[in-house]
Amino acid sequence: MTQNPKIYRIDKGNRLLKKLKTTESIIEKIINTSAITNFNPESLKKTVIGNINYFLYIFNINDFVSDWQEFLPTELTEANDFTQQKLSLILFIETEFDIFCIIGGNAYQIILPYIDQSFGLNVYARIMKPENDELASIKSRGITGSIVGENQQFRGKYKIIDYIKFGKIPQEIHLKLSTEISDLHFNFLKNKPNERIQVFVGKAFKIKKGVDFESLHKIINELTIINELVPSDYLSSYQEITDRDFIDNFCKPELMNRIYNDIGNIDNKNLSPHNKFEHEFTNPNNIEKFYEADYYKLKEKDEEKGYSVFKTVSDRTEIYNQVLKRAVERFGDNDPFNFKVFLQGVRVTCYQNNIKKSTVSSGFIFHISTEFPIQGKPIFLIDTKWYLLRDSFINDLKINTEHILKTYSTPSNVLSLNWNKNVIKTEKKYNLQYNGIPNYIVIDTIIADGLELCDILKYDDENLYLIHVKYGFSSNMRELTNQVVISAKRLKESLGTEEKTILDKVYSSLVAKQHNIDNLSLQEFKNLFNRKISYVLAFTSHLKEDVKVESNLDKFTSNIARFSLIQCSSDMRTNYYNLLTYQIERE
């Protein structure tokens, strides 16, 4: 018999657990603080295998009322209980330093407040090989920019190193581990010599195949070994803050002060962003359902009556203001203590089609994501977690830039002409040198429907290269990469139509401007786009000495150039076409 369990880690530093000395007392505390069931000592069984202690806690809970109760007449049902029960279990696993757990049935809500929310990701950070691990899908949270969250799937052999991580925090990843790590840590799970182990990592760690209990025991042993390794900070440019004293004494008070000081800005839509509390408001557990809800009920806590609704709103952007208004209504604008206590008791519940979405109900404060400095360092609050910008951010930019330049370089014969800036002053003049050379078509300045497809088009029997040219590797790379992405998007959309009108217009403009078209007919020109399409970022060094960018990244100091290249590479490879790079020699 095999199972496919997710392995969680209990956070023994949790404020309700940190004073407890034994695993048994921790288990009892976790069970008893749940509203689902009460702890029964007779339901806890223990066994020891090697140096690992296993504790199994089994219980029955009411799952749902059978729909037969509504179908049958009340005369038949009134004396009977139609509530169906479901067996649930939690397997607690005690090692030398950790307590892991595995759940069955409806036990997740019991352990949720006590688990290490980043355990699976932290395990992966210790064994990852960015250039070899292959992504199947990744769910991430946007910490900057306009995208709140993304759930992306990848086809083919898409490497972790190609995933753009800057400004994003991974939440869940499905991936295939490198051969090295599969052999080193999980060789006992392989059915074939060349098999690479597939895993899920997020709050939990999961091997994506059925395992028996013996194999589970071996996995736990490996996790204890892996947890002793030094983690890589590659996955994100942001480091999670786990120091609870720092969070409680600095982060949370600063957050509450900023909200309190924002009282005077309620409903002031003309206020400068510098003068108001900049934040994002969304449910941390399910962004999609929160955004798609029809309306939201705002509930306040009363010590005697429990929770009661004080406002219903249909626009999620009004929730923040309405809660602050209610706080001022109850306690005025000069009572910071009760103001903050009130906010911590407010809950926001989503409804869609008049149905309460229980998974999209959470405390008001938990909905807030924001950024502000503490002790001179930028601190981020995202989905109830606190993060610090890593010192390695700039180094990560360099590593990724070097990887792209070396891994996705263009064949040397794609652009053969050097660029002497003293003689050839402009990009246009450089591009026009290829006009008339066989297998080249200069499209620079050819605009179709507001789109410049590329500067130079180069083709052979199998490939079509759309080349965009820029002098220098500096901040102007942002403009170049934007042009590439826009061109690729429009080209992909056009090639998906039967008419392909953009290509008609490009060809007509080439003829009208008397650019060389290599004696191609319109149909022959269109047929070029049936070949393997690659976009090319072609640039020069702008330094006094003509050196290779990929080997001298410390000399090219523009982080905008680095970031633009990394972002463009990720966008292109994920959504459009292959992106290659080429450095044009100057002399």
Protein backbone atom coordinates (compact mmCIF):
# COMPACT_ATOMS: atom_id res chain seq x y z
CA MET A 1 0.00 0.00 0.00
CA THR A 2 1.34 3.44 -0.94
CA GLN A 3 0.34 7.01 -0.18
CA ASN A 4 1.38 10.34 -1.66
CA PRO A 5 1.63 12.49 1.49
CA LYS A 6 2.58 16.11 1.96
CA ILE A 7 5.07 16.58 4.78
CA TYR A 8 4.66 19.67 6.97
CA ARG A 9 6.90 20.97 9.74
CA ILE A 10 5.52 22.16 13.07
CA ASP A 11 6.87 25.57 14.06
CA LYS A 12 7.97 24.97 17.64
CA GLY A 13 8.67 28.69 17.94
CA ASN A 14 4.95 29.46 17.64
CA ARG A 15 3.90 31.65 20.58
CA LEU A 16 1.48 28.97 21.83
CA LEU A 17 4.05 26.18 21.59
CA LYS A 18 7.44 27.67 22.41
CA LYS A 19 7.18 27.10 26.17
CA LEU A 20 6.18 23.45 25.81
CA LYS A 21 8.99 20.97 26.43
CA THR A 22 7.71 17.65 25.05
CA THR A 23 6.26 16.53 21.74
CA GLU A 24 3.26 15.01 23.56
CA SER A 25 2.42 18.38 25.15
CA ILE A 26 2.79 20.12 21.76
CA ILE A 27 0.43 17.60 20.15
CA GLU A 28 -2.12 18.07 22.93
CA LYS A 29 -1.94 21.87 22.57
CA ILE A 30 -2.42 21.73 18.80
CA ILE A 31 -5.45 19.45 19.08
CA ASN A 32 -7.08 21.32 21.95
CA THR A 33 -6.85 24.77 20.37
CA SER A 34 -8.79 23.49 17.38
CA ALA A 35 -12.53 24.04 17.15
CA ILE A 36 -12.90 20.73 15.34
CA THR A 37 -12.12 18.20 18.08
CA ASN A 38 -10.83 17.89 21.64
CA PHE A 39 -7.72 15.97 22.61
CA ASN A 40 -8.29 12.39 23.72
CA PRO A 41 -5.15 10.73 25.16
CA GLU A 42 -6.43 7.30 24.16
CA SER A 43 -6.46 8.35 20.51
CA LEU A 44 -2.70 9.04 20.51
CA LYS A 45 -0.54 6.03 19.61
CA LYS A 46 3.27 5.99 19.56
CA THR A 47 5.98 3.86 17.99
CA VAL A 48 9.74 4.25 17.61
CA ILE A 49 11.66 3.34 14.45
CA GLY A 50 15.40 3.92 14.63
CA ASN A 51 15.90 7.38 16.09
CA ILE A 52 12.52 8.70 14.95
CA ASN A 53 9.35 8.76 17.08
CA TYR A 54 5.97 8.46 15.36
CA PHE A 55 2.75 9.66 17.01
CA LEU A 56 -0.61 8.91 15.35
CA TYR A 57 -3.71 10.83 16.40
CA ILE A 58 -7.05 9.62 14.93
CA PHE A 59 -10.46 11.24 15.29
CA ASN A 60 -13.85 11.48 13.61
CA ILE A 61 -15.38 14.82 12.66
CA ASN A 62 -18.68 15.84 11.17
CA ASP A 63 -18.06 16.35 7.48
CA PHE A 64 -21.40 17.46 6.04
CA VAL A 65 -25.12 16.78 6.26
CA SER A 66 -26.26 14.17 3.77
CA ASP A 67 -28.45 15.58 0.99
CA TRP A 68 -30.86 12.71 1.73
CA GLN A 69 -32.14 14.73 4.68
CA GLU A 70 -33.64 17.33 2.34
CA PHE A 71 -34.91 14.71 -0.10
CA LEU A 72 -36.90 12.65 2.41
CA PRO A 73 -40.04 13.89 4.20
CA THR A 74 -39.47 15.33 7.69
CA GLU A 75 -41.65 12.61 9.22
CA LEU A 76 -38.90 10.16 8.32
CA THR A 77 -35.88 12.30 9.11
CA GLU A 78 -36.71 14.32 12.23
CA ALA A 79 -35.58 11.61 14.66
CA ASN A 80 -32.41 10.72 12.79
CA ASP A 81 -28.97 12.23 12.45
CA PHE A 82 -27.97 12.56 8.80
CA THR A 83 -24.58 14.10 9.50
CA GLN A 84 -21.86 12.10 7.82
CA GLN A 85 -18.63 11.59 9.66
CA LYS A 86 -15.15 11.35 8.23
CA LEU A 87 -12.08 9.68 9.70
CA SER A 88 -9.20 12.11 10.03
CA LEU A 89 -5.67 11.65 11.29
CA ILE A 90 -2.44 13.46 11.99
CA LEU A 91 0.86 11.60 11.97
CA PHE A 92 3.38 13.55 14.05
CA ILE A 93 7.03 12.64 13.41
CA GLU A 94 9.62 13.61 16.02
CA THR A 95 13.29 13.80 14.99
CA GLU A 96 16.23 15.15 16.97
CA PHE A 97 15.44 18.79 16.18
CA ASP A 98 12.08 18.89 14.40
CA ILE A 99 8.48 17.77 14.49
CA PHE A 100 7.05 16.94 11.09
CA CYS A 101 3.47 15.96 10.40
CA ILE A 102 1.31 14.31 7.75
CA ILE A 103 -2.46 14.65 7.64
CA GLY A 104 -5.39 12.61 6.41
CA GLY A 105 -9.06 13.56 6.09
CA ASN A 106 -10.02 17.04 7.30
CA ALA A 107 -7.12 17.70 9.65
CA TYR A 108 -5.46 20.54 7.73
CA GLN A 109 -7.30 23.31 9.59
CA ILE A 110 -6.03 21.88 12.88
CA ILE A 111 -2.35 22.11 12.01
CA LEU A 112 -2.50 25.23 9.80
CA PRO A 113 -1.88 27.78 12.60
CA TYR A 114 1.20 25.86 13.75
CA ILE A 115 3.06 24.87 10.59
CA ASP A 116 6.20 26.43 9.16
CA GLN A 117 4.63 28.30 6.25
CA SER A 118 7.77 28.09 4.12
CA PHE A 119 9.03 24.63 5.03
CA GLY A 120 8.88 23.02 1.57
CA LEU A 121 10.48 26.06 -0.08
CA ASN A 122 13.23 26.10 2.56
CA VAL A 123 13.97 22.41 1.94
CA TYR A 124 14.27 23.05 -1.78
CA ALA A 125 16.53 26.07 -1.19
CA ARG A 126 19.04 23.65 0.34
CA ILE A 127 19.15 21.19 -2.57
CA MET A 128 18.37 23.31 -5.62
CA LYS A 129 20.50 23.33 -8.75
CA PRO A 130 19.16 26.34 -10.71
CA GLU A 131 20.83 25.45 -14.00
CA ASN A 132 19.56 21.84 -13.96
CA ASP A 133 16.25 21.73 -12.07
CA GLU A 134 13.27 21.85 -14.45
CA LEU A 135 10.10 23.77 -13.71
CA ALA A 136 6.67 22.26 -14.34
CA SER A 137 4.70 25.07 -12.69
CA ILE A 138 5.18 27.84 -10.17
CA LYS A 139 2.80 29.99 -8.17
CA SER A 140 4.29 33.27 -7.06
CA ARG A 141 3.30 36.47 -5.32
CA GLY A 142 4.21 39.84 -6.80
CA ILE A 143 6.04 42.07 -4.35
CA THR A 144 6.46 44.90 -6.86
CA GLY A 145 4.81 45.91 -10.11
CA SER A 146 1.20 45.55 -11.24
CA ILE A 147 0.87 41.75 -11.07
CA VAL A 148 -0.52 40.59 -7.73
CA GLY A 149 -0.01 36.89 -8.25
CA GLU A 150 0.84 34.45 -11.01
CA ASN A 151 0.35 30.76 -11.60
CA GLN A 152 2.49 29.69 -14.54
CA GLN A 153 2.93 26.35 -16.28
CA PHE A 154 5.91 25.49 -18.47
CA ARG A 155 6.38 23.16 -21.38
CA GLY A 156 9.64 21.53 -22.33
CA LYS A 157 12.85 21.67 -20.32
CA TYR A 158 12.38 25.05 -18.66
CA LYS A 159 15.08 25.63 -16.05
CA ILE A 160 14.66 27.33 -12.68
CA ILE A 161 17.44 29.75 -13.63
CA ASP A 162 15.31 31.03 -16.51
CA TYR A 163 12.47 32.01 -14.21
CA ILE A 164 12.43 35.70 -13.46
CA LYS A 165 12.44 35.97 -9.67
CA PHE A 166 13.11 39.64 -9.02
CA GLY A 167 10.06 41.25 -7.49
CA LYS A 168 8.40 37.85 -6.99
CA ILE A 169 8.11 35.50 -4.04
CA PRO A 170 7.49 31.84 -4.87
CA GLN A 171 4.63 30.22 -2.98
CA GLU A 172 4.35 26.78 -4.58
CA ILE A 173 6.62 25.02 -7.10
CA HIS A 174 6.26 21.77 -9.02
CA LEU A 175 9.60 20.72 -10.47
CA LYS A 176 11.97 17.95 -11.46
CA LEU A 177 15.16 17.80 -9.40
CA SER A 178 18.58 17.52 -11.00
CA THR A 179 20.10 14.10 -11.59
CA GLU A 180 22.75 14.88 -8.97
CA ILE A 181 20.26 15.60 -6.19
CA SER A 182 17.93 12.77 -7.22
CA ASP A 183 20.82 10.34 -6.86
CA LEU A 184 22.28 11.89 -3.73
CA HIS A 185 19.17 12.17 -1.57
CA PHE A 186 16.39 10.11 -3.17
CA ASN A 187 18.06 7.24 -4.98
CA PHE A 188 15.90 4.76 -3.02
CA LEU A 189 12.80 6.17 -4.76
CA LYS A 190 14.07 5.73 -8.32
CA ASN A 191 12.60 3.04 -10.56
CA LYS A 192 14.99 3.72 -13.44
CA PRO A 193 18.70 4.64 -13.42
CA ASN A 194 18.12 7.96 -15.23
CA GLU A 195 14.93 8.91 -13.37
CA ARG A 196 14.80 12.39 -11.88
CA ILE A 197 12.65 12.84 -8.80
CA GLN A 198 9.70 15.20 -9.11
CA VAL A 199 8.65 17.22 -6.08
CA PHE A 200 6.13 19.77 -4.86
CA VAL A 201 7.39 22.45 -2.50
CA GLY A 202 5.50 25.21 -0.73
CA LYS A 203 4.21 25.10 2.82
CA ALA A 204 4.84 21.36 2.53
CA PHE A 205 7.38 19.08 0.89
CA LYS A 206 6.01 16.27 -1.28
CA ILE A 207 7.56 13.60 -3.47
CA LYS A 208 5.28 13.30 -6.49
CA LYS A 209 4.93 9.52 -6.48
CA GLY A 210 3.37 6.92 -4.21
CA VAL A 211 5.56 5.79 -1.31
CA ASP A 212 5.17 3.06 1.30
CA PHE A 213 5.87 3.65 5.00
CA GLU A 214 9.43 2.35 4.73
CA SER A 215 10.17 4.89 2.00
CA LEU A 216 8.48 7.63 4.03
CA HIS A 217 10.81 6.82 6.93
CA LYS A 218 13.80 7.18 4.60
CA ILE A 219 12.46 10.51 3.29
CA ILE A 220 12.22 11.82 6.87
CA ASN A 221 15.81 10.75 7.47
CA GLU A 222 16.89 12.63 4.34
CA LEU A 223 14.98 15.74 5.43
CA THR A 224 16.94 15.79 8.68
CA ILE A 225 20.16 15.66 6.65
CA ILE A 226 18.99 18.31 4.16
CA ASN A 227 17.96 20.69 6.95
CA GLU A 228 21.60 20.82 8.05
CA LEU A 229 22.71 22.14 4.65
CA VAL A 230 23.22 25.83 3.97
CA PRO A 231 20.22 27.22 2.01
CA SER A 232 20.64 29.08 -1.24
CA ASP A 233 19.03 32.50 -1.45
CA TYR A 234 18.47 32.07 -5.17
CA LEU A 235 14.68 31.58 -5.17
CA SER A 236 13.86 35.13 -4.20
CA SER A 237 15.57 38.47 -3.76
CA TYR A 238 13.73 38.74 -0.47
CA GLN A 239 14.57 36.98 2.79
CA GLU A 240 11.74 35.98 5.10
CA ILE A 241 12.07 37.49 8.59
CA THR A 242 11.62 34.76 11.17
CA ASP A 243 12.83 36.65 14.25
CA ARG A 244 9.53 36.91 16.13
CA ASP A 245 10.85 39.46 18.61
CA PHE A 246 11.84 41.75 15.74
CA ILE A 247 8.42 41.27 14.12
CA ASP A 248 6.49 41.87 17.36
CA ASN A 249 8.60 44.79 18.58
CA PHE A 250 9.30 46.63 15.33
CA CYS A 251 7.38 45.40 12.28
CA LYS A 252 3.86 45.04 13.66
CA PRO A 253 3.91 48.28 15.73
CA GLU A 254 5.14 50.23 12.69
CA LEU A 255 2.36 48.72 10.56
CA MET A 256 -0.34 49.66 13.08
CA ASN A 257 1.08 53.18 13.50
CA ARG A 258 1.01 53.75 9.74
CA ILE A 259 -2.60 52.62 9.50
CA TYR A 260 -3.58 54.78 12.49
CA ASN A 261 -1.82 57.81 11.01
CA ASP A 262 -3.75 57.21 7.80
CA ILE A 263 -7.10 58.10 9.42
CA GLY A 264 -7.00 61.65 8.07
CA ASN A 265 -6.54 60.42 4.52
CA ILE A 266 -9.80 58.45 4.28
CA ASP A 267 -11.71 59.29 1.08
CA ASN A 268 -9.08 61.85 -0.01
CA LYS A 269 -8.60 60.62 -3.58
CA ASN A 270 -6.42 63.59 -4.61
CA LEU A 271 -3.81 62.95 -1.94
CA SER A 272 -0.21 62.53 -3.07
CA PRO A 273 1.08 58.93 -2.73
CA HIS A 274 3.86 60.29 -0.53
CA ASN A 275 1.35 61.40 2.08
CA LYS A 276 -0.77 58.26 2.47
CA PHE A 277 -0.26 54.68 3.56
CA GLU A 278 0.63 52.82 0.38
CA HIS A 279 -0.54 49.23 0.54
CA GLU A 280 -2.24 46.42 -1.31
CA PHE A 281 -5.38 44.81 0.10
CA THR A 282 -6.17 41.20 -0.79
CA ASN A 283 -6.94 37.91 0.91
CA PRO A 284 -3.66 36.03 1.53
CA ASN A 285 -5.16 32.55 1.14
CA ASN A 286 -6.92 32.89 -2.21
CA ILE A 287 -6.26 35.97 -4.30
CA GLU A 288 -8.40 34.80 -7.22
CA LYS A 289 -11.56 34.20 -5.18
CA PHE A 290 -11.09 37.47 -3.31
CA TYR A 291 -10.89 39.43 -6.57
CA GLU A 292 -13.83 37.58 -8.11
CA ALA A 293 -16.22 37.89 -5.13
CA ASP A 294 -19.57 39.63 -5.66
CA TYR A 295 -19.58 41.33 -2.27
CA TYR A 296 -17.82 41.39 1.09
CA LYS A 297 -19.18 41.39 4.63
CA LEU A 298 -17.15 43.28 7.21
CA LYS A 299 -17.52 41.88 10.71
CA GLU A 300 -16.50 43.33 14.08
CA LYS A 301 -15.84 41.33 17.22
CA ASP A 302 -17.93 41.74 20.34
CA GLU A 303 -16.84 39.94 23.50
CA GLU A 304 -20.43 39.02 24.36
CA LYS A 305 -22.14 38.60 20.98
CA GLY A 306 -19.20 37.32 18.93
CA TYR A 307 -18.93 38.56 15.34
CA SER A 308 -21.56 40.83 13.77
CA VAL A 309 -21.72 42.50 10.33
CA PHE A 310 -21.28 46.26 10.38
CA LYS A 311 -20.97 46.84 6.62
CA THR A 312 -21.46 45.06 3.30
CA VAL A 313 -19.54 46.39 0.29
CA SER A 314 -19.41 45.28 -3.34
CA ASP A 315 -16.15 47.07 -4.21
CA ARG A 316 -13.09 45.46 -2.62
CA THR A 317 -11.21 48.77 -2.84
CA GLU A 318 -13.67 50.24 -0.33
CA ILE A 319 -12.98 47.68 2.41
CA TYR A 320 -9.97 49.48 3.91
CA ASN A 321 -11.70 52.86 4.14
CA GLN A 322 -14.92 51.39 5.56
CA VAL A 323 -13.04 49.57 8.32
CA LEU A 324 -11.12 52.70 9.30
CA LYS A 325 -14.34 54.72 9.27
CA ARG A 326 -15.97 52.21 11.60
CA ALA A 327 -12.99 52.36 13.96
CA VAL A 328 -13.21 56.17 14.13
CA GLU A 329 -16.99 55.97 14.54
CA ARG A 330 -16.59 53.75 17.61
CA PHE A 331 -13.47 55.19 19.26
CA GLY A 332 -12.83 58.58 17.70
CA ASP A 333 -9.56 59.64 16.11
CA ASN A 334 -7.53 60.06 19.31
CA ASP A 335 -7.58 56.59 20.86
CA PRO A 336 -4.76 54.62 19.20
CA PHE A 337 -4.94 51.68 21.62
CA ASN A 338 -8.62 50.81 21.05
CA PHE A 339 -8.29 51.69 17.37
CA LYS A 340 -5.61 49.04 16.94
CA VAL A 341 -7.44 46.46 19.07
CA PHE A 342 -10.54 46.97 16.92
CA LEU A 343 -8.63 46.46 13.66
CA GLN A 344 -7.18 43.19 14.94
CA GLY A 345 -10.70 41.90 15.59
CA VAL A 346 -12.22 42.76 12.20
CA ARG A 347 -12.85 39.95 9.71
CA VAL A 348 -13.54 40.17 5.98
CA THR A 349 -15.67 37.43 4.39
CA CYS A 350 -16.25 36.99 0.66
CA TYR A 351 -19.49 35.94 -1.01
CA GLN A 352 -20.10 34.81 -4.57
CA ASN A 353 -23.54 33.90 -5.93
CA ASN A 354 -24.81 34.55 -2.38
CA ILE A 355 -22.62 31.73 -1.09
CA LYS A 356 -20.06 32.34 1.65
CA LYS A 357 -16.56 31.39 0.61
CA SER A 358 -15.21 29.99 3.86
CA THR A 359 -11.68 29.70 2.49
CA VAL A 360 -11.74 33.42 1.70
CA SER A 361 -12.43 34.75 5.16
CA SER A 362 -9.61 36.27 7.15
CA GLY A 363 -8.65 39.00 9.58
CA PHE A 364 -8.50 42.57 8.26
CA ILE A 365 -4.80 43.00 9.08
CA PHE A 366 -3.94 39.76 7.24
CA HIS A 367 -5.17 41.34 3.99
CA ILE A 368 -2.57 44.10 4.00
CA SER A 369 0.67 43.93 2.01
CA THR A 370 3.00 46.91 2.13
CA GLU A 371 6.57 48.20 2.28
CA PHE A 372 8.31 50.59 4.65
CA PRO A 373 11.79 51.07 6.13
CA ILE A 374 12.79 49.84 9.58
CA GLN A 375 16.25 50.65 10.95
CA GLY A 376 17.17 51.98 7.52
CA LYS A 377 16.33 48.77 5.67
CA PRO A 378 13.37 48.14 3.33
CA ILE A 379 10.88 45.75 4.96
CA PHE A 380 8.05 44.09 3.05
CA LEU A 381 4.83 42.59 4.41
CA ILE A 382 3.32 40.14 1.91
CA ASP A 383 0.51 37.69 2.70
CA THR A 384 1.11 37.91 6.48
CA LYS A 385 4.86 37.27 6.08
CA TRP A 386 7.64 39.78 6.62
CA TYR A 387 10.61 40.05 4.24
CA LEU A 388 13.91 41.87 4.01
CA LEU A 389 15.61 42.72 0.71
CA ARG A 390 18.68 40.50 0.43
CA ASP A 391 22.19 41.91 0.17
CA SER A 392 22.74 39.45 -2.67
CA PHE A 393 20.22 41.17 -4.95
CA ILE A 394 22.84 42.86 -7.10
CA ASN A 395 24.97 39.73 -7.25
CA ASP A 396 21.92 37.76 -8.38
CA LEU A 397 21.44 40.21 -11.22
CA LYS A 398 25.00 39.60 -12.35
CA ILE A 399 24.69 35.81 -12.13
CA ASN A 400 21.49 35.72 -14.14
CA THR A 401 22.78 38.18 -16.73
CA GLU A 402 25.96 36.15 -17.23
CA HIS A 403 23.92 32.94 -17.57
CA ILE A 404 21.69 34.45 -20.26
CA LEU A 405 24.58 35.95 -22.24
CA LYS A 406 26.57 32.71 -22.20
CA THR A 407 23.74 30.20 -22.56
CA TYR A 408 21.59 31.91 -25.19
CA SER A 409 24.17 33.43 -27.48
CA THR A 410 23.56 33.73 -31.22
CA PRO A 411 25.68 31.90 -33.82
CA SER A 412 28.65 34.09 -34.77
CA ASN A 413 27.61 34.37 -38.42
CA VAL A 414 24.32 36.11 -37.70
CA LEU A 415 25.87 39.59 -37.64
CA SER A 416 29.31 39.78 -39.24
CA LEU A 417 29.93 43.54 -39.56
CA ASN A 418 31.81 45.50 -36.87
CA TRP A 419 30.60 48.86 -35.59
CA ASN A 420 33.09 51.73 -35.43
CA LYS A 421 31.13 54.53 -33.77
CA ASN A 422 33.56 57.15 -35.04
CA VAL A 423 32.58 56.23 -38.58
CA ILE A 424 29.05 54.87 -38.21
CA LYS A 425 27.30 57.34 -35.91
CA THR A 426 23.77 55.90 -35.69
CA GLU A 427 22.04 52.57 -35.31
CA LYS A 428 20.13 53.18 -38.54
CA LYS A 429 23.37 53.54 -40.51
CA TYR A 430 24.76 50.37 -38.97
CA ASN A 431 21.61 48.43 -39.87
CA LEU A 432 21.57 49.72 -43.46
CA GLN A 433 24.97 48.14 -44.07
CA TYR A 434 23.14 44.80 -44.37
CA ASN A 435 20.79 46.10 -47.08
CA GLY A 436 21.69 44.14 -50.19
CA ILE A 437 23.56 41.31 -48.46
CA PRO A 438 21.96 37.94 -49.35
CA ASN A 439 19.73 36.44 -46.67
CA TYR A 440 19.36 39.80 -44.91
CA ILE A 441 16.39 42.18 -45.03
CA VAL A 442 16.66 45.54 -43.25
CA ILE A 443 13.33 46.39 -41.61
CA ASP A 444 14.62 49.35 -39.55
CA THR A 445 12.13 52.28 -39.84
CA ILE A 446 9.52 50.02 -41.51
CA ILE A 447 6.36 50.52 -39.44
CA ALA A 448 3.21 48.40 -39.84
CA ASP A 449 0.19 49.15 -37.63
CA GLY A 450 2.46 51.10 -35.30
CA LEU A 451 4.88 48.15 -34.99
CA GLU A 452 8.54 47.93 -35.94
CA LEU A 453 8.97 44.18 -36.32
CA CYS A 454 12.78 44.29 -35.97
CA ASP A 455 15.83 46.15 -37.27
CA ILE A 456 17.38 43.37 -39.32
CA LEU A 457 15.86 40.11 -40.49
CA LYS A 458 18.31 37.26 -41.13
CA TYR A 459 17.35 33.80 -42.41
CA ASP A 460 18.80 30.47 -43.49
CA ASP A 461 17.21 27.19 -44.55
CA GLU A 462 15.88 26.42 -41.06
CA ASN A 463 15.99 29.62 -38.97
CA LEU A 464 14.56 33.10 -38.98
CA TYR A 465 16.27 35.68 -36.77
CA LEU A 466 14.52 38.93 -35.87
CA ILE A 467 17.39 41.16 -34.75
CA HIS A 468 16.99 44.32 -32.63
CA VAL A 469 20.10 46.49 -32.43
CA LYS A 470 21.28 48.92 -29.76
CA TYR A 471 24.61 50.66 -29.15
CA GLY A 472 25.87 50.08 -25.61
CA PHE A 473 24.90 47.89 -22.67
CA SER A 474 23.41 50.52 -20.39
CA SER A 475 20.01 51.82 -19.31
CA ASN A 476 18.89 52.08 -22.94
CA MET A 477 18.52 48.29 -22.86
CA ARG A 478 15.12 48.85 -21.22
CA GLU A 479 13.86 50.47 -24.41
CA LEU A 480 15.31 47.67 -26.53
CA THR A 481 13.79 44.88 -24.44
CA ASN A 482 10.40 46.59 -24.44
CA GLN A 483 10.51 46.73 -28.24
CA VAL A 484 11.35 43.03 -28.42
CA VAL A 485 8.47 41.93 -26.20
CA ILE A 486 5.94 44.14 -28.00
CA SER A 487 7.13 42.86 -31.38
CA ALA A 488 6.99 39.23 -30.29
CA LYS A 489 3.49 39.61 -28.86
CA ARG A 490 2.13 41.23 -32.02
CA LEU A 491 3.90 38.75 -34.30
CA LYS A 492 2.54 35.76 -32.40
CA GLU A 493 -0.97 37.21 -32.57
CA SER A 494 -0.62 37.85 -36.32
CA LEU A 495 0.77 34.41 -37.14
CA GLY A 496 -2.22 32.95 -35.35
CA THR A 497 -4.53 34.45 -37.98
CA GLU A 498 -5.12 33.23 -41.50
CA GLU A 499 -4.49 36.61 -43.15
CA LYS A 500 -1.24 37.61 -41.36
CA THR A 501 -1.91 41.21 -42.40
CA ILE A 502 1.11 42.64 -40.57
CA LEU A 503 3.44 40.69 -42.85
CA ASP A 504 1.55 42.03 -45.90
CA LYS A 505 2.06 45.58 -44.67
CA VAL A 506 5.73 45.07 -43.82
CA TYR A 507 6.40 43.63 -47.28
CA SER A 508 4.52 46.48 -49.00
CA SER A 509 6.51 49.08 -47.04
CA LEU A 510 9.80 47.37 -47.91
CA VAL A 511 8.92 47.55 -51.59
CA ALA A 512 7.72 51.15 -51.34
CA LYS A 513 10.95 52.25 -49.62
CA GLN A 514 13.03 50.23 -52.10
CA HIS A 515 14.67 48.12 -49.43
CA ASN A 516 16.30 44.95 -50.63
CA ILE A 517 13.87 42.01 -50.31
CA ASP A 518 16.24 39.35 -51.63
CA ASN A 519 14.00 38.93 -54.70
CA LEU A 520 11.34 37.28 -52.52
CA SER A 521 7.69 37.35 -53.53
CA LEU A 522 5.09 38.23 -50.91
CA GLN A 523 4.30 34.56 -50.34
CA GLU A 524 7.97 33.64 -50.12
CA PHE A 525 8.43 36.44 -47.58
CA LYS A 526 5.52 35.08 -45.54
CA ASN A 527 6.93 31.56 -45.76
CA LEU A 528 10.06 32.74 -43.95
CA PHE A 529 7.95 32.88 -40.80
CA ASN A 530 7.26 29.15 -41.00
CA ARG A 531 10.87 28.55 -39.97
CA LYS A 532 12.15 28.42 -36.40
CA ILE A 533 11.76 31.98 -35.12
CA SER A 534 14.28 33.49 -32.72
CA TYR A 535 14.55 37.07 -31.53
CA VAL A 536 18.04 38.51 -31.09
CA LEU A 537 19.16 41.30 -28.75
CA ALA A 538 22.23 42.72 -30.46
CA PHE A 539 24.31 45.29 -28.59
CA THR A 540 27.84 46.63 -28.27
CA SER A 541 30.11 47.54 -25.40
CA HIS A 542 29.93 51.28 -24.70
CA LEU A 543 33.15 51.36 -22.67
CA LYS A 544 36.35 52.91 -23.94
CA GLU A 545 37.81 49.43 -24.32
CA ASP A 546 35.79 46.97 -26.38
CA VAL A 547 35.42 44.08 -23.91
CA LYS A 548 32.96 41.22 -23.69
CA VAL A 549 30.02 42.08 -21.45
CA GLU A 550 29.53 38.48 -20.28
CA SER A 551 33.10 38.31 -18.96
CA ASN A 552 33.27 41.82 -17.49
CA LEU A 553 29.91 42.43 -15.84
CA ASP A 554 31.47 44.42 -12.99
CA LYS A 555 32.54 47.03 -15.55
CA PHE A 556 28.99 47.38 -16.89
CA THR A 557 27.27 48.89 -13.88
CA SER A 558 23.72 49.43 -15.15
CA ASN A 559 21.32 47.35 -13.08
CA ILE A 560 18.54 48.55 -15.36
CA ALA A 561 20.30 46.85 -18.27
CA ARG A 562 20.75 43.64 -16.28
CA PHE A 563 17.21 43.58 -14.96
CA SER A 564 15.72 44.43 -18.37
CA LEU A 565 17.62 41.60 -20.03
CA ILE A 566 16.60 39.05 -17.37
CA GLN A 567 12.96 40.09 -17.44
CA CYS A 568 12.83 40.09 -21.23
CA SER A 569 14.46 36.66 -21.42
CA SER A 570 11.93 35.22 -19.00
CA ASP A 571 8.92 36.83 -20.71
CA MET A 572 10.05 35.74 -24.16
CA ARG A 573 10.89 32.14 -23.29
CA THR A 574 7.70 31.73 -21.27
CA ASN A 575 5.18 33.43 -23.56
CA TYR A 576 6.56 33.98 -27.06
CA TYR A 577 9.76 32.93 -28.84
CA ASN A 578 13.33 31.98 -28.09
CA LEU A 579 15.49 34.97 -27.19
CA LEU A 580 19.18 35.06 -28.11
CA THR A 581 21.88 37.65 -27.47
CA TYR A 582 24.74 38.88 -29.62
CA GLN A 583 27.52 41.37 -28.88
CA ILE A 584 28.60 43.30 -31.95
CA GLU A 585 32.33 43.91 -32.11
CA ARG A 586 33.28 47.58 -32.38
CA GLU A 587 36.56 47.35 -34.28
